[in-house]
Amino acid sequence: MSDTKTLGEVIRHMLDDSHSFTRKEWAVALGCTTRELRDWVANKKIPPDRKLRGIVDILRHRFGSPSPTLQEWDRISGLPISDVAPSLTASPGKKGVFFLPSVRVSNLATYTLSLRYSGILHRLTLLSEPEQEKVLDLLVEKFIPEAR
């Protein structure tokens, strides 16, 4: 892990090195407090997935092509949580697994996707079974044509 930055370091670079906003402006844009930002940068807490995605999305939109900081985010997002956020890793017997109320994930990429999918799945449960199948068939047909 010698040259691997922690999640907090990468967040700090995304917030500060982009010169996009002040910390106070980031807090407003993300709908959080400056205290929460400090906790994320200090590796005391992991940002909610929507806030973490918000930072990345804002920077991708602003810079178009990947900046070195976004390239670092892309690189660490697939690494085990225990490598990039050791202070946030679950209990000693669960090395590399980060627990959230309803999600168990091993890396940041899974974290930012799994919560997004849980919202979609919840919305699908509001439909009848035939409607669910129709929606899923349309999604596969449109976005995964080779899966047919």
N, C-alpha and C. Protein backbone atom coordinates (compact mmCIF):
# COMPACT_ATOMS: atom_id res chain seq x y z
N MET A 1 0.84 -1.20 0.00
CA MET A 1 0.00 0.00 0.00
C MET A 1 0.87 1.25 0.00
N SER A 2 2.13 1.14 -0.28
CA SER A 2 3.07 2.24 -0.14
C SER A 2 2.67 3.50 -0.89
N ASP A 3 2.28 3.39 -2.15
CA ASP A 3 1.93 4.60 -2.90
C ASP A 3 0.42 4.79 -3.05
N THR A 4 -0.37 3.96 -2.39
CA THR A 4 -1.81 4.08 -2.46
C THR A 4 -2.28 5.16 -1.50
N LYS A 5 -3.00 6.11 -2.04
CA LYS A 5 -3.57 7.16 -1.19
C LYS A 5 -4.79 6.61 -0.47
N THR A 6 -5.08 7.18 0.69
CA THR A 6 -6.30 6.79 1.40
C THR A 6 -7.49 7.49 0.76
N LEU A 7 -8.67 7.00 1.07
CA LEU A 7 -9.89 7.64 0.58
C LEU A 7 -9.91 9.10 1.00
N GLY A 8 -9.57 9.38 2.26
CA GLY A 8 -9.57 10.76 2.76
C GLY A 8 -8.63 11.66 1.97
N GLU A 9 -7.44 11.14 1.63
CA GLU A 9 -6.48 11.93 0.84
C GLU A 9 -7.04 12.23 -0.55
N VAL A 10 -7.66 11.24 -1.16
CA VAL A 10 -8.23 11.45 -2.50
C VAL A 10 -9.40 12.43 -2.43
N ILE A 11 -10.22 12.31 -1.41
CA ILE A 11 -11.32 13.27 -1.26
C ILE A 11 -10.76 14.68 -1.06
N ARG A 12 -9.72 14.80 -0.21
CA ARG A 12 -9.11 16.12 0.01
C ARG A 12 -8.62 16.70 -1.31
N HIS A 13 -7.95 15.89 -2.12
CA HIS A 13 -7.47 16.38 -3.41
C HIS A 13 -8.64 16.77 -4.33
N MET A 14 -9.70 15.97 -4.32
CA MET A 14 -10.85 16.30 -5.17
C MET A 14 -11.48 17.61 -4.73
N LEU A 15 -11.59 17.81 -3.42
CA LEU A 15 -12.23 19.03 -2.92
C LEU A 15 -11.34 20.26 -3.10
N ASP A 16 -10.05 20.12 -2.80
CA ASP A 16 -9.18 21.29 -2.73
C ASP A 16 -8.38 21.55 -4.01
N ASP A 17 -7.84 20.52 -4.62
CA ASP A 17 -6.96 20.73 -5.77
C ASP A 17 -7.70 21.11 -7.04
N SER A 18 -9.00 20.85 -7.08
CA SER A 18 -9.77 21.19 -8.28
C SER A 18 -10.03 22.69 -8.38
N HIS A 19 -9.90 23.40 -7.25
CA HIS A 19 -10.19 24.84 -7.19
C HIS A 19 -11.60 25.15 -7.73
N SER A 20 -12.49 24.19 -7.55
CA SER A 20 -13.87 24.37 -8.01
C SER A 20 -14.69 25.18 -7.02
N PHE A 21 -14.57 24.85 -5.75
CA PHE A 21 -15.33 25.49 -4.69
C PHE A 21 -14.47 25.61 -3.44
N THR A 22 -14.88 26.48 -2.55
CA THR A 22 -14.32 26.47 -1.20
C THR A 22 -14.96 25.29 -0.47
N ARG A 23 -14.44 24.95 0.67
CA ARG A 23 -15.05 23.87 1.45
C ARG A 23 -16.51 24.19 1.79
N LYS A 24 -16.75 25.46 2.13
CA LYS A 24 -18.12 25.87 2.46
C LYS A 24 -19.04 25.70 1.25
N GLU A 25 -18.55 26.05 0.06
CA GLU A 25 -19.35 25.90 -1.17
C GLU A 25 -19.56 24.42 -1.50
N TRP A 26 -18.53 23.60 -1.28
CA TRP A 26 -18.70 22.15 -1.49
C TRP A 26 -19.80 21.64 -0.57
N ALA A 27 -19.79 22.06 0.69
CA ALA A 27 -20.79 21.60 1.65
C ALA A 27 -22.20 21.96 1.16
N VAL A 28 -22.37 23.17 0.67
CA VAL A 28 -23.68 23.59 0.15
C VAL A 28 -24.05 22.75 -1.07
N ALA A 29 -23.11 22.60 -2.01
CA ALA A 29 -23.38 21.85 -3.24
C ALA A 29 -23.75 20.39 -2.95
N LEU A 30 -23.12 19.81 -1.92
CA LEU A 30 -23.36 18.41 -1.60
C LEU A 30 -24.47 18.20 -0.57
N GLY A 31 -24.93 19.29 0.03
CA GLY A 31 -25.98 19.17 1.04
C GLY A 31 -25.48 18.54 2.33
N CYS A 32 -24.30 18.96 2.76
CA CYS A 32 -23.72 18.44 4.00
C CYS A 32 -23.10 19.60 4.77
N THR A 33 -22.46 19.30 5.87
CA THR A 33 -21.80 20.34 6.66
C THR A 33 -20.30 20.32 6.40
N THR A 34 -19.63 21.41 6.75
CA THR A 34 -18.17 21.43 6.62
C THR A 34 -17.55 20.43 7.60
N ARG A 35 -18.21 20.17 8.71
CA ARG A 35 -17.74 19.16 9.67
C ARG A 35 -17.71 17.78 9.01
N GLU A 36 -18.77 17.46 8.26
CA GLU A 36 -18.79 16.18 7.56
C GLU A 36 -17.65 16.09 6.56
N LEU A 37 -17.39 17.17 5.84
CA LEU A 37 -16.27 17.19 4.90
C LEU A 37 -14.96 16.90 5.63
N ARG A 38 -14.76 17.54 6.78
CA ARG A 38 -13.54 17.31 7.57
C ARG A 38 -13.42 15.85 8.00
N ASP A 39 -14.54 15.25 8.40
CA ASP A 39 -14.53 13.84 8.81
C ASP A 39 -14.16 12.93 7.64
N TRP A 40 -14.66 13.25 6.45
CA TRP A 40 -14.34 12.43 5.28
C TRP A 40 -12.85 12.53 4.94
N VAL A 41 -12.33 13.76 4.96
CA VAL A 41 -10.93 14.00 4.62
C VAL A 41 -10.01 13.35 5.66
N ALA A 42 -10.44 13.31 6.92
CA ALA A 42 -9.64 12.72 7.99
C ALA A 42 -9.83 11.20 8.10
N ASN A 43 -10.58 10.61 7.17
CA ASN A 43 -10.86 9.16 7.20
C ASN A 43 -11.60 8.74 8.45
N LYS A 44 -12.40 9.64 9.03
CA LYS A 44 -13.19 9.28 10.20
C LYS A 44 -14.52 8.66 9.78
N LYS A 45 -15.02 9.08 8.61
CA LYS A 45 -16.29 8.57 8.10
C LYS A 45 -16.21 8.48 6.59
N ILE A 46 -16.99 7.58 6.04
CA ILE A 46 -17.08 7.49 4.59
C ILE A 46 -18.30 8.31 4.17
N PRO A 47 -18.18 9.08 3.11
CA PRO A 47 -19.34 9.87 2.68
C PRO A 47 -20.47 8.96 2.21
N PRO A 48 -21.71 9.40 2.39
CA PRO A 48 -22.81 8.65 1.79
C PRO A 48 -22.55 8.52 0.29
N ASP A 49 -23.00 7.43 -0.30
CA ASP A 49 -22.66 7.19 -1.70
C ASP A 49 -23.09 8.33 -2.61
N ARG A 50 -24.24 8.94 -2.37
CA ARG A 50 -24.71 10.04 -3.22
C ARG A 50 -23.76 11.24 -3.15
N LYS A 51 -23.21 11.48 -1.99
CA LYS A 51 -22.30 12.63 -1.82
C LYS A 51 -20.96 12.32 -2.50
N LEU A 52 -20.47 11.10 -2.32
CA LEU A 52 -19.22 10.70 -2.96
C LEU A 52 -19.36 10.74 -4.48
N ARG A 53 -20.46 10.19 -4.98
CA ARG A 53 -20.72 10.26 -6.43
C ARG A 53 -20.87 11.70 -6.86
N GLY A 54 -21.48 12.54 -6.01
CA GLY A 54 -21.66 13.96 -6.35
C GLY A 54 -20.33 14.66 -6.58
N ILE A 55 -19.37 14.41 -5.71
CA ILE A 55 -18.04 15.02 -5.87
C ILE A 55 -17.44 14.59 -7.20
N VAL A 56 -17.45 13.29 -7.45
CA VAL A 56 -16.85 12.76 -8.68
C VAL A 56 -17.59 13.30 -9.91
N ASP A 57 -18.92 13.29 -9.87
CA ASP A 57 -19.69 13.77 -11.02
C ASP A 57 -19.45 15.24 -11.30
N ILE A 58 -19.40 16.06 -10.26
CA ILE A 58 -19.13 17.49 -10.45
C ILE A 58 -17.78 17.69 -11.12
N LEU A 59 -16.78 16.98 -10.64
CA LEU A 59 -15.44 17.14 -11.21
C LEU A 59 -15.35 16.59 -12.63
N ARG A 60 -16.00 15.48 -12.90
CA ARG A 60 -15.99 14.93 -14.27
C ARG A 60 -16.67 15.91 -15.22
N HIS A 61 -17.76 16.50 -14.77
CA HIS A 61 -18.47 17.47 -15.61
C HIS A 61 -17.61 18.71 -15.83
N ARG A 62 -16.95 19.16 -14.79
CA ARG A 62 -16.14 20.38 -14.88
C ARG A 62 -14.91 20.20 -15.77
N PHE A 63 -14.24 19.06 -15.63
CA PHE A 63 -12.97 18.88 -16.34
C PHE A 63 -13.11 18.09 -17.63
N GLY A 64 -14.24 17.46 -17.86
CA GLY A 64 -14.42 16.70 -19.08
C GLY A 64 -13.55 15.45 -19.12
N SER A 65 -12.28 15.64 -19.32
CA SER A 65 -11.38 14.49 -19.33
C SER A 65 -10.82 14.30 -17.93
N PRO A 66 -10.41 13.09 -17.63
CA PRO A 66 -9.96 12.81 -16.27
C PRO A 66 -8.75 13.65 -15.84
N SER A 67 -8.87 14.25 -14.70
CA SER A 67 -7.75 14.96 -14.08
C SER A 67 -6.93 13.92 -13.32
N PRO A 68 -5.71 14.23 -12.92
CA PRO A 68 -4.94 13.27 -12.12
C PRO A 68 -5.68 12.83 -10.86
N THR A 69 -6.42 13.74 -10.25
CA THR A 69 -7.16 13.39 -9.04
C THR A 69 -8.28 12.40 -9.35
N LEU A 70 -8.99 12.61 -10.45
CA LEU A 70 -10.05 11.66 -10.83
C LEU A 70 -9.45 10.33 -11.26
N GLN A 71 -8.28 10.37 -11.87
CA GLN A 71 -7.61 9.11 -12.21
C GLN A 71 -7.25 8.35 -10.94
N GLU A 72 -6.84 9.09 -9.90
CA GLU A 72 -6.54 8.44 -8.62
C GLU A 72 -7.82 7.85 -8.02
N TRP A 73 -8.93 8.57 -8.10
CA TRP A 73 -10.22 8.05 -7.63
C TRP A 73 -10.55 6.75 -8.37
N ASP A 74 -10.42 6.78 -9.70
CA ASP A 74 -10.72 5.59 -10.50
C ASP A 74 -9.84 4.42 -10.06
N ARG A 75 -8.59 4.71 -9.75
CA ARG A 75 -7.66 3.66 -9.35
C ARG A 75 -8.02 3.07 -7.98
N ILE A 76 -8.31 3.92 -7.00
CA ILE A 76 -8.57 3.39 -5.65
C ILE A 76 -9.97 2.81 -5.52
N SER A 77 -10.90 3.19 -6.38
CA SER A 77 -12.29 2.74 -6.20
C SER A 77 -12.44 1.23 -6.33
N GLY A 78 -11.51 0.57 -7.01
CA GLY A 78 -11.59 -0.88 -7.13
C GLY A 78 -10.75 -1.64 -6.12
N LEU A 79 -9.97 -0.92 -5.32
CA LEU A 79 -9.12 -1.57 -4.32
C LEU A 79 -9.94 -1.96 -3.09
N PRO A 80 -9.46 -2.92 -2.32
CA PRO A 80 -10.17 -3.29 -1.09
C PRO A 80 -10.28 -2.08 -0.15
N ILE A 81 -11.42 -1.97 0.51
CA ILE A 81 -11.64 -0.88 1.45
C ILE A 81 -10.54 -0.85 2.51
N SER A 82 -10.07 -2.01 2.93
CA SER A 82 -9.04 -2.05 3.97
C SER A 82 -7.74 -1.39 3.51
N ASP A 83 -7.52 -1.29 2.21
CA ASP A 83 -6.32 -0.63 1.69
C ASP A 83 -6.47 0.89 1.61
N VAL A 84 -7.67 1.37 1.32
CA VAL A 84 -7.85 2.81 1.10
C VAL A 84 -8.52 3.54 2.26
N ALA A 85 -9.14 2.79 3.15
CA ALA A 85 -9.78 3.40 4.32
C ALA A 85 -9.64 2.46 5.51
N PRO A 86 -8.40 2.19 5.91
CA PRO A 86 -8.19 1.21 6.97
C PRO A 86 -8.90 1.55 8.27
N SER A 87 -9.04 2.81 8.58
CA SER A 87 -9.70 3.18 9.84
C SER A 87 -11.21 2.96 9.77
N LEU A 88 -11.73 2.72 8.56
CA LEU A 88 -13.16 2.50 8.39
C LEU A 88 -13.51 1.04 8.16
N THR A 89 -12.50 0.20 8.10
CA THR A 89 -12.74 -1.22 7.87
C THR A 89 -13.52 -1.79 9.04
N ALA A 90 -14.39 -2.71 8.73
CA ALA A 90 -15.22 -3.33 9.77
C ALA A 90 -14.35 -4.07 10.79
N SER A 91 -14.99 -4.71 11.72
CA SER A 91 -14.29 -5.40 12.81
C SER A 91 -13.15 -6.28 12.30
N PRO A 92 -12.16 -6.54 13.15
CA PRO A 92 -10.96 -7.27 12.74
C PRO A 92 -11.22 -8.58 12.00
N GLY A 93 -12.27 -9.29 12.32
CA GLY A 93 -12.58 -10.54 11.64
C GLY A 93 -13.15 -10.34 10.26
N LYS A 94 -13.43 -9.13 9.88
CA LYS A 94 -14.07 -8.84 8.60
C LYS A 94 -13.19 -7.95 7.73
N LYS A 95 -11.90 -8.21 7.73
CA LYS A 95 -10.95 -7.37 7.00
C LYS A 95 -11.40 -7.17 5.54
N GLY A 96 -11.40 -5.92 5.14
CA GLY A 96 -11.71 -5.60 3.76
C GLY A 96 -13.18 -5.46 3.47
N VAL A 97 -14.02 -5.62 4.46
CA VAL A 97 -15.45 -5.52 4.23
C VAL A 97 -15.99 -4.34 5.02
N PHE A 98 -16.71 -3.48 4.34
CA PHE A 98 -17.28 -2.31 4.97
C PHE A 98 -18.78 -2.53 5.11
N PHE A 99 -19.32 -2.36 6.28
CA PHE A 99 -20.74 -2.60 6.49
C PHE A 99 -21.51 -1.29 6.56
N LEU A 100 -22.61 -1.28 5.88
CA LEU A 100 -23.58 -0.19 5.93
C LEU A 100 -24.88 -0.82 6.39
N PRO A 101 -25.88 -0.02 6.73
CA PRO A 101 -27.10 -0.60 7.26
C PRO A 101 -27.65 -1.77 6.43
N SER A 102 -27.67 -1.66 5.11
CA SER A 102 -28.28 -2.73 4.32
C SER A 102 -27.36 -3.26 3.24
N VAL A 103 -26.09 -2.88 3.25
CA VAL A 103 -25.20 -3.26 2.17
C VAL A 103 -23.87 -3.75 2.73
N ARG A 104 -23.35 -4.80 2.16
CA ARG A 104 -22.02 -5.29 2.52
C ARG A 104 -21.17 -5.19 1.26
N VAL A 105 -20.10 -4.43 1.32
CA VAL A 105 -19.28 -4.20 0.13
C VAL A 105 -17.81 -4.38 0.45
N SER A 106 -17.02 -4.65 -0.58
CA SER A 106 -15.59 -4.84 -0.38
C SER A 106 -14.76 -3.71 -0.97
N ASN A 107 -15.34 -2.90 -1.86
CA ASN A 107 -14.59 -1.77 -2.41
C ASN A 107 -15.53 -0.59 -2.69
N LEU A 108 -14.95 0.55 -2.99
CA LEU A 108 -15.74 1.77 -3.17
C LEU A 108 -16.62 1.72 -4.41
N ALA A 109 -16.16 1.06 -5.47
CA ALA A 109 -16.98 0.95 -6.68
C ALA A 109 -18.27 0.20 -6.38
N THR A 110 -18.17 -0.88 -5.62
CA THR A 110 -19.35 -1.64 -5.24
C THR A 110 -20.25 -0.80 -4.35
N TYR A 111 -19.65 -0.07 -3.44
CA TYR A 111 -20.41 0.80 -2.53
C TYR A 111 -21.24 1.82 -3.30
N THR A 112 -20.62 2.52 -4.25
CA THR A 112 -21.36 3.57 -4.95
C THR A 112 -22.41 2.99 -5.89
N LEU A 113 -22.25 1.76 -6.33
CA LEU A 113 -23.25 1.13 -7.19
C LEU A 113 -24.34 0.42 -6.42
N SER A 114 -23.99 -0.29 -5.35
CA SER A 114 -24.96 -1.12 -4.66
C SER A 114 -26.10 -0.31 -4.05
N LEU A 115 -25.81 0.84 -3.52
CA LEU A 115 -26.89 1.66 -2.96
C LEU A 115 -27.78 2.22 -4.07
N ARG A 116 -27.20 2.53 -5.20
CA ARG A 116 -27.99 2.99 -6.35
C ARG A 116 -28.95 1.88 -6.79
N TYR A 117 -28.44 0.65 -6.87
CA TYR A 117 -29.27 -0.47 -7.28
C TYR A 117 -30.36 -0.79 -6.27
N SER A 118 -30.06 -0.62 -4.99
CA SER A 118 -31.09 -0.92 -4.00
C SER A 118 -32.29 0.01 -4.17
N GLY A 119 -32.06 1.25 -4.57
CA GLY A 119 -33.17 2.16 -4.84
C GLY A 119 -33.99 1.73 -6.04
N ILE A 120 -33.31 1.26 -7.07
CA ILE A 120 -34.00 0.79 -8.27
C ILE A 120 -34.81 -0.46 -7.92
N LEU A 121 -34.21 -1.37 -7.18
CA LEU A 121 -34.92 -2.59 -6.81
C LEU A 121 -36.16 -2.29 -5.97
N HIS A 122 -36.03 -1.32 -5.08
CA HIS A 122 -37.19 -0.94 -4.28
C HIS A 122 -38.32 -0.45 -5.18
N ARG A 123 -37.98 0.37 -6.16
CA ARG A 123 -39.01 0.89 -7.06
C ARG A 123 -39.64 -0.23 -7.89
N LEU A 124 -38.86 -1.24 -8.26
CA LEU A 124 -39.40 -2.37 -9.00
C LEU A 124 -40.41 -3.15 -8.17
N THR A 125 -40.18 -3.24 -6.86
CA THR A 125 -41.10 -4.00 -6.01
C THR A 125 -42.49 -3.37 -5.95
N LEU A 126 -42.59 -2.12 -6.36
CA LEU A 126 -43.90 -1.45 -6.37
C LEU A 126 -44.73 -1.86 -7.57
N LEU A 127 -44.10 -2.55 -8.53
CA LEU A 127 -44.79 -3.00 -9.74
C LEU A 127 -45.25 -4.44 -9.59
N SER A 128 -46.22 -4.82 -10.40
CA SER A 128 -46.63 -6.23 -10.43
C SER A 128 -45.51 -7.05 -11.08
N GLU A 129 -45.57 -8.37 -10.90
CA GLU A 129 -44.53 -9.22 -11.47
C GLU A 129 -44.44 -9.10 -13.00
N PRO A 130 -45.57 -9.09 -13.72
CA PRO A 130 -45.47 -8.92 -15.18
C PRO A 130 -44.87 -7.55 -15.57
N GLU A 131 -45.20 -6.52 -14.80
CA GLU A 131 -44.62 -5.19 -15.07
C GLU A 131 -43.12 -5.19 -14.80
N GLN A 132 -42.70 -5.87 -13.73
CA GLN A 132 -41.27 -5.97 -13.42
C GLN A 132 -40.53 -6.64 -14.57
N GLU A 133 -41.08 -7.75 -15.07
CA GLU A 133 -40.44 -8.47 -16.17
C GLU A 133 -40.34 -7.60 -17.41
N LYS A 134 -41.40 -6.84 -17.69
CA LYS A 134 -41.41 -5.97 -18.87
C LYS A 134 -40.31 -4.90 -18.75
N VAL A 135 -40.21 -4.27 -17.57
CA VAL A 135 -39.19 -3.24 -17.34
C VAL A 135 -37.79 -3.83 -17.51
N LEU A 136 -37.56 -4.98 -16.89
CA LEU A 136 -36.23 -5.61 -16.98
C LEU A 136 -35.91 -6.03 -18.41
N ASP A 137 -36.90 -6.57 -19.13
CA ASP A 137 -36.68 -6.95 -20.53
C ASP A 137 -36.32 -5.72 -21.37
N LEU A 138 -37.02 -4.61 -21.14
CA LEU A 138 -36.72 -3.38 -21.89
C LEU A 138 -35.32 -2.87 -21.58
N LEU A 139 -34.93 -2.93 -20.32
CA LEU A 139 -33.59 -2.49 -19.94
C LEU A 139 -32.51 -3.35 -20.60
N VAL A 140 -32.71 -4.65 -20.57
CA VAL A 140 -31.73 -5.55 -21.18
C VAL A 140 -31.68 -5.30 -22.69
N GLU A 141 -32.83 -5.19 -23.31
CA GLU A 141 -32.87 -4.96 -24.76
C GLU A 141 -32.16 -3.67 -25.15
N LYS A 142 -32.37 -2.62 -24.37
CA LYS A 142 -31.79 -1.33 -24.70
C LYS A 142 -30.30 -1.23 -24.35
N PHE A 143 -29.92 -1.72 -23.18
CA PHE A 143 -28.57 -1.47 -22.70
C PHE A 143 -27.62 -2.67 -22.73
N ILE A 144 -28.16 -3.87 -22.86
CA ILE A 144 -27.31 -5.06 -22.90
C ILE A 144 -27.79 -5.97 -24.04
N PRO A 145 -27.74 -5.50 -25.27
CA PRO A 145 -28.32 -6.28 -26.37
C PRO A 145 -27.69 -7.66 -26.54
N GLU A 146 -26.40 -7.81 -26.22
CA GLU A 146 -25.75 -9.10 -26.38
C GLU A 146 -26.24 -10.13 -25.37
N ALA A 147 -26.98 -9.70 -24.35
CA ALA A 147 -27.48 -10.63 -23.32
C ALA A 147 -28.75 -11.33 -23.77
N ARG A 148 -29.35 -10.92 -24.86
CA ARG A 148 -30.60 -11.53 -25.33
C ARG A 148 -30.40 -12.90 -25.88
